[in-house]
C-alpha atoms as a PDB file:
ATOM      1  CA  MET A   1      11.832  71.888 -78.259  1.00  0.00           C
ATOM      2  CA  THR A   2      14.344  73.967 -76.386  1.00  0.00           C
ATOM      3  CA  PHE A   3      14.956  73.459 -72.686  1.00  0.00           C
ATOM      4  CA  TYR A   4      13.106  76.703 -71.992  1.00  0.00           C
ATOM      5  CA  GLU A   5      10.075  75.502 -73.968  1.00  0.00           C
ATOM      6  CA  ILE A   6      10.094  72.270 -71.955  1.00  0.00           C
ATOM      7  CA  LEU A   7      10.075  74.364 -68.763  1.00  0.00           C
ATOM      8  CA  VAL A   8       7.132  76.398 -70.095  1.00  0.00           C
ATOM      9  CA  PHE A   9       5.281  73.156 -70.886  1.00  0.00           C
ATOM     10  CA  ILE A  10       5.924  71.759 -67.396  1.00  0.00           C
ATOM     11  CA  HIS A  11       4.950  75.113 -65.885  1.00  0.00           C
ATOM     12  CA  ILE A  12       1.579  75.195 -67.677  1.00  0.00           C
ATOM     13  CA  PHE A  13       0.920  71.517 -66.968  1.00  0.00           C
ATOM     14  CA  SER A  14       1.769  72.130 -63.297  1.00  0.00           C
ATOM     15  CA  ALA A  15      -0.697  75.023 -63.170  1.00  0.00           C
ATOM     16  CA  ILE A  16      -3.463  72.746 -64.370  1.00  0.00           C
ATOM     17  CA  LEU A  17      -2.410  69.941 -62.036  1.00  0.00           C
ATOM     18  CA  GLY A  18      -1.994  72.217 -59.013  1.00  0.00           C
ATOM     19  CA  MET A  19      -4.563  74.958 -59.375  1.00  0.00           C
ATOM     20  CA  GLY A  20      -7.389  72.992 -60.965  1.00  0.00           C
ATOM     21  CA  PRO A  21      -8.067  70.804 -57.922  1.00  0.00           C
ATOM     22  CA  GLY A  22      -7.643  73.821 -55.648  1.00  0.00           C
ATOM     23  CA  PHE A  23     -10.589  75.546 -57.281  1.00  0.00           C
ATOM     24  CA  VAL A  24     -12.964  72.630 -56.556  1.00  0.00           C
ATOM     25  CA  MET A  25     -12.003  71.933 -52.947  1.00  0.00           C
ATOM     26  CA  THR A  26     -14.530  74.387 -51.475  1.00  0.00           C
ATOM     27  CA  PRO A  27     -17.531  73.307 -53.586  1.00  0.00           C
ATOM     28  CA  ILE A  28     -16.901  69.656 -52.687  1.00  0.00           C
ATOM     29  CA  ALA A  29     -17.342  70.398 -48.987  1.00  0.00           C
ATOM     30  CA  LYS A  30     -20.319  72.702 -49.532  1.00  0.00           C
ATOM     31  CA  LYS A  31     -22.391  69.938 -51.150  1.00  0.00           C
ATOM     32  CA  ALA A  32     -22.394  67.664 -48.093  1.00  0.00           C
ATOM     33  CA  SER A  33     -25.791  67.223 -46.438  1.00  0.00           C
ATOM     34  CA  ASN A  34     -24.835  65.023 -43.469  1.00  0.00           C
ATOM     35  CA  ILE A  35     -21.743  64.233 -41.404  1.00  0.00           C
ATOM     36  CA  THR A  36     -20.874  61.092 -43.408  1.00  0.00           C
ATOM     37  CA  GLU A  37     -20.858  63.050 -46.657  1.00  0.00           C
ATOM     38  CA  LEU A  38     -18.906  65.841 -44.976  1.00  0.00           C
ATOM     39  CA  ARG A  39     -16.241  63.432 -43.722  1.00  0.00           C
ATOM     40  CA  HIS A  40     -16.022  61.971 -47.214  1.00  0.00           C
ATOM     41  CA  ALA A  41     -15.754  65.473 -48.694  1.00  0.00           C
ATOM     42  CA  TYR A  42     -12.843  66.317 -46.419  1.00  0.00           C
ATOM     43  CA  ALA A  43     -11.163  63.008 -47.248  1.00  0.00           C
ATOM     44  CA  LEU A  44     -11.453  63.938 -50.958  1.00  0.00           C
ATOM     45  CA  ARG A  45     -10.118  67.425 -50.213  1.00  0.00           C
ATOM     46  CA  ASN A  46      -7.130  65.833 -48.510  1.00  0.00           C
ATOM     47  CA  LYS A  47      -6.414  63.697 -51.584  1.00  0.00           C
ATOM     48  CA  LEU A  48      -6.833  66.675 -53.930  1.00  0.00           C
ATOM     49  CA  HIS A  49      -4.468  68.683 -51.742  1.00  0.00           C
ATOM     50  CA  LYS A  50      -1.648  66.348 -52.762  1.00  0.00           C
ATOM     51  CA  PHE A  51      -2.114  67.412 -56.395  1.00  0.00           C
ATOM     52  CA  VAL A  52      -2.169  71.054 -55.298  1.00  0.00           C
ATOM     53  CA  MET A  53       1.117  70.587 -53.418  1.00  0.00           C
ATOM     54  CA  ILE A  54       2.886  68.781 -56.273  1.00  0.00           C
ATOM     55  CA  GLY A  55       1.615  71.201 -58.909  1.00  0.00           C
ATOM     56  CA  GLY A  56       2.377  74.225 -56.738  1.00  0.00           C
ATOM     57  CA  THR A  57       5.908  73.069 -56.063  1.00  0.00           C
ATOM     58  CA  LEU A  58       6.530  72.443 -59.774  1.00  0.00           C
ATOM     59  CA  LEU A  59       5.044  75.864 -60.565  1.00  0.00           C
ATOM     60  CA  LEU A  60       7.409  77.621 -58.216  1.00  0.00           C
ATOM     61  CA  VAL A  61      10.472  75.664 -59.332  1.00  0.00           C
ATOM     62  CA  THR A  62       9.817  76.022 -63.066  1.00  0.00           C
ATOM     63  CA  GLY A  63       8.789  79.671 -62.730  1.00  0.00           C
ATOM     64  CA  LEU A  64      11.983  80.571 -60.886  1.00  0.00           C
ATOM     65  CA  TRP A  65      14.069  78.431 -63.243  1.00  0.00           C
ATOM     66  CA  MET A  66      12.644  80.290 -66.234  1.00  0.00           C
ATOM     67  CA  GLY A  67      13.441  83.551 -64.433  1.00  0.00           C
ATOM     68  CA  PHE A  68      17.041  82.539 -63.838  1.00  0.00           C
ATOM     69  CA  LEU A  69      17.388  81.512 -67.488  1.00  0.00           C
ATOM     70  CA  ASN A  70      15.923  84.866 -68.583  1.00  0.00           C
ATOM     71  CA  MET A  71      16.954  87.341 -65.886  1.00  0.00           C
ATOM     72  CA  TYR A  72      14.997  90.126 -67.593  1.00  0.00           C
ATOM     73  CA  LEU A  73      11.855  88.499 -66.129  1.00  0.00           C
ATOM     74  CA  PHE A  74      12.930  89.778 -62.702  1.00  0.00           C
ATOM     75  CA  GLN A  75      12.529  93.295 -64.120  1.00  0.00           C
ATOM     76  CA  GLN A  76       8.985  92.658 -65.339  1.00  0.00           C
ATOM     77  CA  GLY A  77       6.196  93.909 -63.084  1.00  0.00           C
ATOM     78  CA  TRP A  78       3.804  91.077 -63.999  1.00  0.00           C
ATOM     79  CA  TYR A  79       6.466  88.464 -63.108  1.00  0.00           C
ATOM     80  CA  ILE A  80       7.372  90.056 -59.760  1.00  0.00           C
ATOM     81  CA  THR A  81       3.705  90.615 -58.874  1.00  0.00           C
ATOM     82  CA  SER A  82       2.876  87.006 -59.770  1.00  0.00           C
ATOM     83  CA  LEU A  83       5.789  85.719 -57.730  1.00  0.00           C
ATOM     84  CA  VAL A  84       4.840  87.795 -54.679  1.00  0.00           C
ATOM     85  CA  LEU A  85       1.189  86.708 -54.891  1.00  0.00           C
ATOM     86  CA  PHE A  86       2.232  83.085 -55.303  1.00  0.00           C
ATOM     87  CA  LEU A  87       4.548  83.250 -52.289  1.00  0.00           C
ATOM     88  CA  LEU A  88       1.750  84.862 -50.232  1.00  0.00           C
ATOM     89  CA  ALA A  89      -0.597  82.051 -51.248  1.00  0.00           C
ATOM     90  CA  LEU A  90       2.103  79.483 -50.469  1.00  0.00           C
ATOM     91  CA  VAL A  91       2.713  80.914 -46.992  1.00  0.00           C
ATOM     92  CA  SER A  92      -1.014  81.005 -46.265  1.00  0.00           C
ATOM     93  CA  GLY A  93      -1.267  77.220 -46.604  1.00  0.00           C
ATOM     94  CA  PRO A  94       0.663  76.195 -43.500  1.00  0.00           C
ATOM     95  CA  THR A  95      -0.484  79.275 -41.555  1.00  0.00           C
ATOM     96  CA  VAL A  96      -4.022  80.500 -42.204  1.00  0.00           C
ATOM     97  CA  LEU A  97      -5.461  77.425 -43.908  1.00  0.00           C
ATOM     98  CA  VAL A  98      -4.053  74.914 -41.410  1.00  0.00           C
ATOM     99  CA  SER A  99      -5.213  76.959 -38.421  1.00  0.00           C
ATOM    100  CA  SER A 100      -8.675  77.302 -40.005  1.00  0.00           C
ATOM    101  CA  SER A 101      -9.014  73.619 -40.879  1.00  0.00           C
ATOM    102  CA  LYS A 102      -7.707  72.060 -37.627  1.00  0.00           C
ATOM    103  CA  PRO A 103     -10.888  72.756 -35.631  1.00  0.00           C
ATOM    104  CA  ILE A 104     -12.989  71.399 -38.513  1.00  0.00           C
ATOM    105  CA  LYS A 105     -10.990  68.185 -38.618  1.00  0.00           C
ATOM    106  CA  ALA A 106     -11.324  67.791 -34.839  1.00  0.00           C
ATOM    107  CA  LEU A 107     -15.064  68.421 -35.058  1.00  0.00           C
ATOM    108  CA  LEU A 108     -15.491  65.839 -37.818  1.00  0.00           C
ATOM    109  CA  LYS A 109     -13.504  63.299 -35.829  1.00  0.00           C
ATOM    110  CA  GLU A 110     -15.379  63.785 -32.563  1.00  0.00           C
ATOM    111  CA  HIS A 111     -18.955  64.424 -33.697  1.00  0.00           C
ATOM    112  CA  LYS A 112     -21.525  61.691 -33.127  1.00  0.00           C
ATOM    113  CA  GLY A 113     -24.692  61.437 -35.182  1.00  0.00           C
ATOM    114  CA  GLU A 114     -25.479  62.255 -38.793  1.00  0.00           C
ATOM    115  CA  ASP A 115     -26.431  65.907 -38.468  1.00  0.00           C
ATOM    116  CA  ILE A 116     -23.855  68.554 -39.335  1.00  0.00           C
ATOM    117  CA  PRO A 117     -23.230  70.587 -36.162  1.00  0.00           C
ATOM    118  CA  ALA A 118     -23.956  74.326 -36.312  1.00  0.00           C
ATOM    119  CA  GLU A 119     -20.384  75.027 -35.203  1.00  0.00           C
ATOM    120  CA  TYR A 120     -19.125  73.550 -38.479  1.00  0.00           C
ATOM    121  CA  PHE A 121     -20.818  76.285 -40.529  1.00  0.00           C
ATOM    122  CA  THR A 122     -19.094  79.002 -38.524  1.00  0.00           C
ATOM    123  CA  LEU A 123     -15.723  77.291 -38.832  1.00  0.00           C
ATOM    124  CA  SER A 124     -16.110  76.467 -42.524  1.00  0.00           C
ATOM    125  CA  LYS A 125     -17.153  80.031 -43.331  1.00  0.00           C
ATOM    126  CA  ARG A 126     -13.756  81.245 -42.127  1.00  0.00           C
ATOM    127  CA  LEU A 127     -11.872  78.498 -44.001  1.00  0.00           C
ATOM    128  CA  PHE A 128     -13.813  79.038 -47.216  1.00  0.00           C
ATOM    129  CA  PHE A 129     -13.243  82.806 -47.039  1.00  0.00           C
ATOM    130  CA  TYR A 130      -9.485  82.250 -47.028  1.00  0.00           C
ATOM    131  CA  GLU A 131      -9.730  79.610 -49.769  1.00  0.00           C
ATOM    132  CA  HIS A 132     -11.713  82.034 -51.953  1.00  0.00           C
ATOM    133  CA  LEU A 133      -9.140  84.743 -51.275  1.00  0.00           C
ATOM    134  CA  ILE A 134      -6.288  82.452 -52.284  1.00  0.00           C
ATOM    135  CA  ASN A 135      -8.182  81.287 -55.392  1.00  0.00           C
ATOM    136  CA  THR A 136      -8.683  84.934 -56.336  1.00  0.00           C
ATOM    137  CA  MET A 137      -4.936  85.483 -56.007  1.00  0.00           C
ATOM    138  CA  PHE A 138      -4.366  82.498 -58.310  1.00  0.00           C
ATOM    139  CA  LEU A 139      -6.819  83.909 -60.853  1.00  0.00           C
ATOM    140  CA  ILE A 140      -4.928  87.209 -60.789  1.00  0.00           C
ATOM    141  CA  ILE A 141      -1.655  85.318 -61.272  1.00  0.00           C
ATOM    142  CA  ILE A 142      -3.109  83.421 -64.259  1.00  0.00           C
ATOM    143  CA  ALA A 143      -4.364  86.683 -65.784  1.00  0.00           C
ATOM    144  CA  LEU A 144      -0.926  88.284 -65.298  1.00  0.00           C
ATOM    145  CA  MET A 145       0.826  85.286 -66.867  1.00  0.00           C
ATOM    146  CA  ILE A 146      -1.438  85.398 -69.911  1.00  0.00           C
ATOM    147  CA  THR A 147      -1.570  89.157 -70.494  1.00  0.00           C
ATOM    148  CA  LYS A 148       1.838  90.306 -69.147  1.00  0.00           C
ATOM    149  CA  PRO A 149       0.368  93.828 -68.809  1.00  0.00           C
ATOM    150  CA  PHE A 150       3.368  95.573 -67.255  1.00  0.00           C
END
C-alpha cells in the first residue's frame, strides 16, 4: 500500500466512524417516551458525539492531506464543493447545534417528574431540523466523493 492509499483507507474508515453515529443521534432522542428515557438518550448522544468529533477531524485532516499530495484535487469541483459543505457542517456544530441544544440540556436538568414537557418538543424540533440539514449535507458529500461528477 502506498502512503496515499493508507490515507484513503483512513479517510473512508473515518467517514464510517464519524458520520455513522451522526445519522442515528436524532432517532435515538425521538424514541424516548418519558424524561428518564430522554435523559438517557441525550447521554447516549453525548457519547456518540465523541465518535463524530474524532471521525470528523480525521476526515478533514486526511481529505486535506490527500489534496496537498495531489494538488489537482483543488481544481476539481466535487472536491471543492465537498470541502465547502464539510466546513459549513463543521462550523454549524459549535454555533447552531450548540445554541439549539443548550436549552434542551437545561430543561432536562431542571425538569421534575416523568412526563416530557411540551417545551421540549418545540426546542427539539429546531435542533432536529438543523441535524437533518447537516446530515443531508453529509449525504451530498458522500455522493460527491463516490461519483466525482464534476
